[in-house]
Amino acid sequence: MKKVISLVCLLFFILSYSQKTFKYKDRHFPARYVLVGRKDTISTRVQNIGYVTHKKFYAETYVGSILTISESGEKQRVQESDIQYMEIIDLEGVKRKLFSSQLILGKNVGLLQKYNDGEKDGYVDYYRVSLTGPLSTKFYPKEVIK
């Protein structure tokens, strides 16, 4: 009887303290990006910073730096200026394409989001005026660029 109780206790101990596998949360969006000066595409997930809902993409996700999450749950920050191209798909299925401003404007102001609503075609720059302030935007029409 002591052996059975010891075995059950040992089994319970092993199962309760074993490593748990990491699972992505609903705010972790699939993303692919290419770093400046590299050719390989990195597929990962990024943590969306959603104020109202986590299902919709917010620009705060990539302004300044991006928090990437690997399949094992390891988190790593990537600076916005280190990214040449990035693609993020939110939970509503909308794909966002972001490009380095160095490629489009010839100067580094961060990532520019491709924008096309049928009437306007160009790029939008999201940036912070102060460290903790809200985001501001600047639109660059395609006709004006280079």
C-alpha atoms as a PDB file:
ATOM      1  CA  MET A   1       0.000   0.000   0.000  1.00  0.00           C
ATOM      2  CA  LYS A   2       2.890   2.359   0.792  1.00  0.00           C
ATOM      3  CA  LYS A   3       4.407   1.632  -2.602  1.00  0.00           C
ATOM      4  CA  VAL A   4       1.158   2.530  -4.389  1.00  0.00           C
ATOM      5  CA  ILE A   5       0.786   5.779  -2.458  1.00  0.00           C
ATOM      6  CA  SER A   6       4.442   6.654  -3.079  1.00  0.00           C
ATOM      7  CA  LEU A   7       4.049   5.919  -6.776  1.00  0.00           C
ATOM      8  CA  VAL A   8       0.890   8.037  -7.053  1.00  0.00           C
ATOM      9  CA  CYS A   9       2.563  10.915  -5.176  1.00  0.00           C
ATOM     10  CA  LEU A  10       5.638  10.678  -7.395  1.00  0.00           C
ATOM     11  CA  LEU A  11       3.508  10.644 -10.547  1.00  0.00           C
ATOM     12  CA  PHE A  12       1.502  13.635  -9.297  1.00  0.00           C
ATOM     13  CA  PHE A  13       4.715  15.531  -8.500  1.00  0.00           C
ATOM     14  CA  ILE A  14       6.209  14.838 -11.931  1.00  0.00           C
ATOM     15  CA  LEU A  15       3.062  15.858 -13.805  1.00  0.00           C
ATOM     16  CA  SER A  16       2.494  19.027 -11.804  1.00  0.00           C
ATOM     17  CA  TYR A  17       6.059  20.344 -12.136  1.00  0.00           C
ATOM     18  CA  SER A  18       6.858  19.260 -15.667  1.00  0.00           C
ATOM     19  CA  GLN A  19       7.575  21.884 -18.312  1.00  0.00           C
ATOM     20  CA  LYS A  20       4.572  23.340 -20.000  1.00  0.00           C
ATOM     21  CA  THR A  21       4.604  23.999 -23.718  1.00  0.00           C
ATOM     22  CA  PHE A  22       4.237  27.594 -24.844  1.00  0.00           C
ATOM     23  CA  LYS A  23       1.036  28.577 -26.644  1.00  0.00           C
ATOM     24  CA  TYR A  24       0.579  31.806 -28.555  1.00  0.00           C
ATOM     25  CA  LYS A  25      -2.079  34.161 -27.265  1.00  0.00           C
ATOM     26  CA  ASP A  26      -4.667  35.980 -29.358  1.00  0.00           C
ATOM     27  CA  ARG A  27      -2.584  39.175 -29.253  1.00  0.00           C
ATOM     28  CA  HIS A  28       0.412  37.480 -30.915  1.00  0.00           C
ATOM     29  CA  PHE A  29       0.085  38.167 -34.636  1.00  0.00           C
ATOM     30  CA  PRO A  30       1.974  36.217 -37.307  1.00  0.00           C
ATOM     31  CA  ALA A  31       4.656  38.325 -38.942  1.00  0.00           C
ATOM     32  CA  ARG A  32       7.505  38.060 -41.410  1.00  0.00           C
ATOM     33  CA  TYR A  33      10.344  40.518 -41.589  1.00  0.00           C
ATOM     34  CA  VAL A  34      13.692  41.133 -43.272  1.00  0.00           C
ATOM     35  CA  LEU A  35      16.477  42.906 -41.404  1.00  0.00           C
ATOM     36  CA  VAL A  36      18.517  45.683 -43.022  1.00  0.00           C
ATOM     37  CA  GLY A  37      21.468  44.290 -44.975  1.00  0.00           C
ATOM     38  CA  ARG A  38      20.155  40.695 -44.920  1.00  0.00           C
ATOM     39  CA  LYS A  39      18.294  38.617 -47.482  1.00  0.00           C
ATOM     40  CA  ASP A  40      16.620  35.944 -45.326  1.00  0.00           C
ATOM     41  CA  THR A  41      13.035  36.309 -44.139  1.00  0.00           C
ATOM     42  CA  ILE A  42      12.299  35.673 -40.474  1.00  0.00           C
ATOM     43  CA  SER A  43       8.878  34.226 -39.650  1.00  0.00           C
ATOM     44  CA  THR A  44       7.716  34.814 -36.105  1.00  0.00           C
ATOM     45  CA  ARG A  45       4.927  36.383 -34.103  1.00  0.00           C
ATOM     46  CA  VAL A  46       4.746  39.918 -32.760  1.00  0.00           C
ATOM     47  CA  GLN A  47       2.891  41.130 -29.715  1.00  0.00           C
ATOM     48  CA  ASN A  48       0.133  43.526 -30.720  1.00  0.00           C
ATOM     49  CA  ILE A  49      -0.440  46.498 -28.458  1.00  0.00           C
ATOM     50  CA  GLY A  50      -4.189  46.858 -28.728  1.00  0.00           C
ATOM     51  CA  TYR A  51      -5.910  49.399 -26.541  1.00  0.00           C
ATOM     52  CA  VAL A  52      -9.498  48.591 -27.462  1.00  0.00           C
ATOM     53  CA  THR A  53      -9.222  45.064 -28.819  1.00  0.00           C
ATOM     54  CA  HIS A  54      -6.428  42.581 -29.428  1.00  0.00           C
ATOM     55  CA  LYS A  55      -7.962  41.356 -32.691  1.00  0.00           C
ATOM     56  CA  LYS A  56      -7.232  44.547 -34.618  1.00  0.00           C
ATOM     57  CA  PHE A  57      -3.744  45.772 -35.544  1.00  0.00           C
ATOM     58  CA  TYR A  58      -2.453  48.972 -33.914  1.00  0.00           C
ATOM     59  CA  ALA A  59       0.556  50.971 -35.103  1.00  0.00           C
ATOM     60  CA  GLU A  60       1.888  51.154 -31.528  1.00  0.00           C
ATOM     61  CA  THR A  61       2.952  47.559 -32.110  1.00  0.00           C
ATOM     62  CA  TYR A  62       5.964  48.601 -34.181  1.00  0.00           C
ATOM     63  CA  VAL A  63       6.679  52.276 -33.367  1.00  0.00           C
ATOM     64  CA  GLY A  64      10.091  52.400 -31.689  1.00  0.00           C
ATOM     65  CA  SER A  65      10.605  48.658 -31.368  1.00  0.00           C
ATOM     66  CA  ILE A  66       8.802  45.394 -31.972  1.00  0.00           C
ATOM     67  CA  LEU A  67       8.435  42.610 -29.419  1.00  0.00           C
ATOM     68  CA  THR A  68       8.866  39.285 -31.233  1.00  0.00           C
ATOM     69  CA  ILE A  69       7.936  35.936 -29.697  1.00  0.00           C
ATOM     70  CA  SER A  70       9.473  32.662 -30.856  1.00  0.00           C
ATOM     71  CA  GLU A  71       7.757  29.263 -30.886  1.00  0.00           C
ATOM     72  CA  SER A  72       9.389  28.436 -27.548  1.00  0.00           C
ATOM     73  CA  GLY A  73       8.066  31.649 -25.952  1.00  0.00           C
ATOM     74  CA  GLU A  74      11.333  33.590 -25.962  1.00  0.00           C
ATOM     75  CA  LYS A  75      10.810  37.327 -26.333  1.00  0.00           C
ATOM     76  CA  GLN A  76      13.176  39.598 -28.208  1.00  0.00           C
ATOM     77  CA  ARG A  77      13.011  43.303 -29.062  1.00  0.00           C
ATOM     78  CA  VAL A  78      13.863  44.389 -32.599  1.00  0.00           C
ATOM     79  CA  GLN A  79      14.375  48.087 -33.264  1.00  0.00           C
ATOM     80  CA  GLU A  80      12.169  49.659 -35.910  1.00  0.00           C
ATOM     81  CA  SER A  81      15.223  51.093 -37.692  1.00  0.00           C
ATOM     82  CA  ASP A  82      16.742  47.587 -38.079  1.00  0.00           C
ATOM     83  CA  ILE A  83      13.832  46.316 -40.212  1.00  0.00           C
ATOM     84  CA  GLN A  84      13.839  46.648 -43.990  1.00  0.00           C
ATOM     85  CA  TYR A  85      10.445  45.037 -44.720  1.00  0.00           C
ATOM     86  CA  MET A  86       7.739  43.611 -42.484  1.00  0.00           C
ATOM     87  CA  GLU A  87       4.374  41.956 -43.030  1.00  0.00           C
ATOM     88  CA  ILE A  88       1.836  41.508 -40.207  1.00  0.00           C
ATOM     89  CA  ILE A  89      -1.530  39.731 -40.427  1.00  0.00           C
ATOM     90  CA  ASP A  90      -4.081  40.551 -37.746  1.00  0.00           C
ATOM     91  CA  LEU A  91      -6.847  38.258 -36.485  1.00  0.00           C
ATOM     92  CA  GLU A  92      -9.342  39.818 -38.911  1.00  0.00           C
ATOM     93  CA  GLY A  93      -7.152  38.635 -41.817  1.00  0.00           C
ATOM     94  CA  VAL A  94      -5.906  42.105 -42.821  1.00  0.00           C
ATOM     95  CA  LYS A  95      -2.309  42.084 -44.050  1.00  0.00           C
ATOM     96  CA  ARG A  96      -0.187  45.156 -43.250  1.00  0.00           C
ATOM     97  CA  LYS A  97       2.955  45.817 -45.292  1.00  0.00           C
ATOM     98  CA  LEU A  98       5.629  47.991 -43.720  1.00  0.00           C
ATOM     99  CA  PHE A  99       8.719  49.296 -45.488  1.00  0.00           C
ATOM    100  CA  SER A 100      11.870  51.007 -44.298  1.00  0.00           C
ATOM    101  CA  SER A 101      11.647  54.732 -44.985  1.00  0.00           C
ATOM    102  CA  GLN A 102      15.256  54.603 -46.183  1.00  0.00           C
ATOM    103  CA  LEU A 103      14.113  52.637 -49.250  1.00  0.00           C
ATOM    104  CA  ILE A 104      11.205  54.945 -50.053  1.00  0.00           C
ATOM    105  CA  LEU A 105      12.164  58.439 -48.858  1.00  0.00           C
ATOM    106  CA  GLY A 106      15.948  58.155 -48.814  1.00  0.00           C
ATOM    107  CA  LYS A 107      16.026  59.081 -45.115  1.00  0.00           C
ATOM    108  CA  ASN A 108      15.417  57.054 -41.982  1.00  0.00           C
ATOM    109  CA  VAL A 109      12.240  58.068 -40.154  1.00  0.00           C
ATOM    110  CA  GLY A 110      11.132  54.527 -39.251  1.00  0.00           C
ATOM    111  CA  LEU A 111       8.750  52.118 -40.904  1.00  0.00           C
ATOM    112  CA  LEU A 112       6.174  53.312 -43.409  1.00  0.00           C
ATOM    113  CA  GLN A 113       2.891  51.470 -43.792  1.00  0.00           C
ATOM    114  CA  LYS A 114       1.582  50.907 -47.321  1.00  0.00           C
ATOM    115  CA  TYR A 115      -1.760  52.698 -47.689  1.00  0.00           C
ATOM    116  CA  ASN A 116      -4.362  52.436 -50.443  1.00  0.00           C
ATOM    117  CA  ASP A 117      -8.042  53.164 -49.901  1.00  0.00           C
ATOM    118  CA  GLY A 118      -9.041  53.540 -53.552  1.00  0.00           C
ATOM    119  CA  GLU A 119      -8.688  57.339 -53.569  1.00  0.00           C
ATOM    120  CA  LYS A 120      -5.308  57.797 -51.883  1.00  0.00           C
ATOM    121  CA  ASP A 121      -2.242  55.710 -52.631  1.00  0.00           C
ATOM    122  CA  GLY A 122       0.997  56.105 -50.721  1.00  0.00           C
ATOM    123  CA  TYR A 123       2.632  55.492 -47.367  1.00  0.00           C
ATOM    124  CA  VAL A 124       1.780  56.485 -43.799  1.00  0.00           C
ATOM    125  CA  ASP A 125       4.399  57.248 -41.170  1.00  0.00           C
ATOM    126  CA  TYR A 126       3.328  56.718 -37.553  1.00  0.00           C
ATOM    127  CA  TYR A 127       5.532  58.428 -34.992  1.00  0.00           C
ATOM    128  CA  ARG A 128       5.493  59.813 -31.462  1.00  0.00           C
ATOM    129  CA  VAL A 129       5.958  63.511 -30.853  1.00  0.00           C
ATOM    130  CA  SER A 130       6.967  62.859 -27.229  1.00  0.00           C
ATOM    131  CA  LEU A 131       8.098  59.740 -25.373  1.00  0.00           C
ATOM    132  CA  THR A 132       4.720  58.933 -23.840  1.00  0.00           C
ATOM    133  CA  GLY A 133       2.359  60.883 -26.079  1.00  0.00           C
ATOM    134  CA  PRO A 134      -0.117  59.564 -28.626  1.00  0.00           C
ATOM    135  CA  LEU A 135       0.877  58.661 -32.154  1.00  0.00           C
ATOM    136  CA  SER A 136       0.875  61.204 -34.948  1.00  0.00           C
ATOM    137  CA  THR A 137       0.726  60.416 -38.648  1.00  0.00           C
ATOM    138  CA  LYS A 138       2.176  61.829 -41.817  1.00  0.00           C
ATOM    139  CA  PHE A 139       0.999  60.761 -45.279  1.00  0.00           C
ATOM    140  CA  TYR A 140       3.391  60.514 -48.211  1.00  0.00           C
ATOM    141  CA  PRO A 141       1.518  60.330 -51.553  1.00  0.00           C
ATOM    142  CA  LYS A 142       3.009  57.978 -54.105  1.00  0.00           C
ATOM    143  CA  GLU A 143       3.271  60.788 -56.677  1.00  0.00           C
ATOM    144  CA  VAL A 144       5.604  62.845 -54.424  1.00  0.00           C
ATOM    145  CA  ILE A 145       8.021  60.040 -53.536  1.00  0.00           C
ATOM    146  CA  LYS A 146      11.270  59.992 -55.559  1.00  0.00           C
END
